[in-house]
Protein backbone atom coordinates (compact mmCIF):
# COMPACT_ATOMS: atom_id res chain seq x y z
CA MET A 1 -13.79 -9.79 9.83
CA LYS A 2 -12.74 -6.41 7.35
CA LYS A 3 -9.71 -4.35 8.07
CA ALA A 4 -8.55 -0.76 6.40
CA VAL A 5 -5.32 0.36 6.89
CA ARG A 6 -3.09 3.92 5.79
CA MET A 7 0.35 3.45 5.63
CA TYR A 8 2.88 5.84 4.79
CA ILE A 9 6.35 4.69 3.43
CA ASP A 10 9.39 6.90 3.46
CA GLY A 11 12.78 6.01 1.94
CA THR A 12 13.79 5.13 -1.70
CA VAL A 13 10.25 4.32 -3.00
CA GLN A 14 9.64 6.20 -5.96
CA ASP A 15 10.90 5.29 -9.34
CA VAL A 16 11.47 1.65 -8.21
CA PHE A 17 8.59 -0.04 -9.37
CA PHE A 18 7.27 0.64 -5.88
CA ARG A 19 3.35 1.48 -7.06
CA GLY A 20 3.06 -1.37 -9.27
CA PHE A 21 4.51 -3.66 -6.74
CA VAL A 22 1.75 -2.91 -4.06
CA LYS A 23 -1.02 -2.82 -6.99
CA GLU A 24 0.35 -6.46 -8.43
CA ASN A 25 0.13 -7.76 -4.51
CA ALA A 26 -3.30 -6.16 -3.47
CA GLU A 27 -4.80 -7.71 -6.46
CA ARG A 28 -3.30 -11.25 -5.98
CA HIS A 29 -4.62 -11.09 -2.54
CA ASN A 30 -7.76 -9.51 -3.26
CA VAL A 31 -7.48 -6.17 -1.39
CA LYS A 32 -8.97 -3.39 -2.47
CA GLY A 33 -8.12 0.44 -1.89
CA PHE A 34 -5.24 2.78 -3.41
CA VAL A 35 -1.71 3.66 -3.89
CA ARG A 36 0.27 7.00 -5.08
CA ASN A 37 3.40 8.72 -4.74
CA LEU A 38 3.25 12.05 -2.50
CA GLU A 39 5.16 15.34 -3.51
CA ASP A 40 7.19 15.03 -0.25
CA GLY A 41 8.97 11.72 -1.87
CA ARG A 42 6.85 9.22 0.30
CA VAL A 43 4.20 6.85 -1.00
CA GLU A 44 0.81 6.55 0.37
CA ILE A 45 -1.01 3.27 0.60
CA PHE A 46 -4.58 2.61 1.39
CA LEU A 47 -5.59 -1.16 1.73
CA GLU A 48 -8.75 -2.41 2.82
CA GLY A 49 -10.28 -6.36 2.63
CA ASN A 50 -10.06 -9.33 5.04
CA ILE A 51 -7.96 -9.11 7.82
CA GLN A 52 -5.80 -12.01 6.85
CA ASP A 53 -4.98 -10.77 3.31
CA VAL A 54 -4.50 -6.77 4.57
CA ASP A 55 -1.75 -8.33 6.82
CA LYS A 56 -0.25 -9.86 3.98
CA VAL A 57 -0.08 -7.49 1.88
CA VAL A 58 0.97 -4.75 4.53
CA GLU A 59 3.86 -7.47 5.42
CA LEU A 60 4.96 -6.92 1.64
CA CYS A 61 4.81 -3.42 1.64
CA LYS A 62 7.01 -3.32 4.70
CA LYS A 63 9.74 -5.17 2.48
CA GLY A 64 8.82 -3.26 -0.81
CA PRO A 65 10.10 -4.23 -4.33
CA LYS A 66 13.99 -5.22 -4.98
CA HIS A 67 15.29 -1.90 -5.29
CA ALA A 68 13.03 0.03 -3.06
CA GLN A 69 15.20 1.18 0.42
CA ILE A 70 12.55 1.89 2.79
CA LYS A 71 13.67 4.23 5.69
CA GLY A 72 10.05 4.61 7.66
CA ILE A 73 6.32 3.44 7.83
CA ASP A 74 3.44 5.09 9.69
CA MET A 75 0.70 3.05 9.59
CA ARG A 76 -2.93 3.55 11.16
CA PRO A 77 -6.54 2.20 11.39
CA GLU A 78 -8.60 3.87 8.82
CA LYS A 79 -12.54 3.15 8.61
CA PHE A 80 -13.37 0.81 5.71
CA GLN A 81 -14.88 2.23 2.71
CA ASP A 82 -15.86 -0.43 0.26
CA PHE A 83 -13.52 -0.29 -2.54
CA LYS A 84 -14.52 -2.14 -5.13
CA THR A 85 -11.02 -1.85 -6.87
CA PHE A 86 -7.49 -1.38 -6.16
CA LYS A 87 -5.77 1.80 -8.03
CA ILE A 88 -2.62 3.58 -8.90
CA LEU A 89 -3.35 7.19 -8.40
CA HIS A 90 -1.84 10.53 -9.90
CA ILE A 91 -1.45 13.39 -7.76
């Protein structure tokens, strides 16, 4: 079964290697989608793949890399879009 979610992470999540951390873990678990910094200081993450793999990456994103300080997470289900890779996007 496939799953897709969009997450918005708030806190100290920019300039702490958060996007690289998400990309590395998504690729490790064969999850596709994207991550990007938003102008309001949050990080947006779109993940899709097998349910178990997406759930693993979601749990890792909730903790973040070593220096991240997560204050809030907004997560919602999304329609599966069949991404072929995982990318770091730039606004």
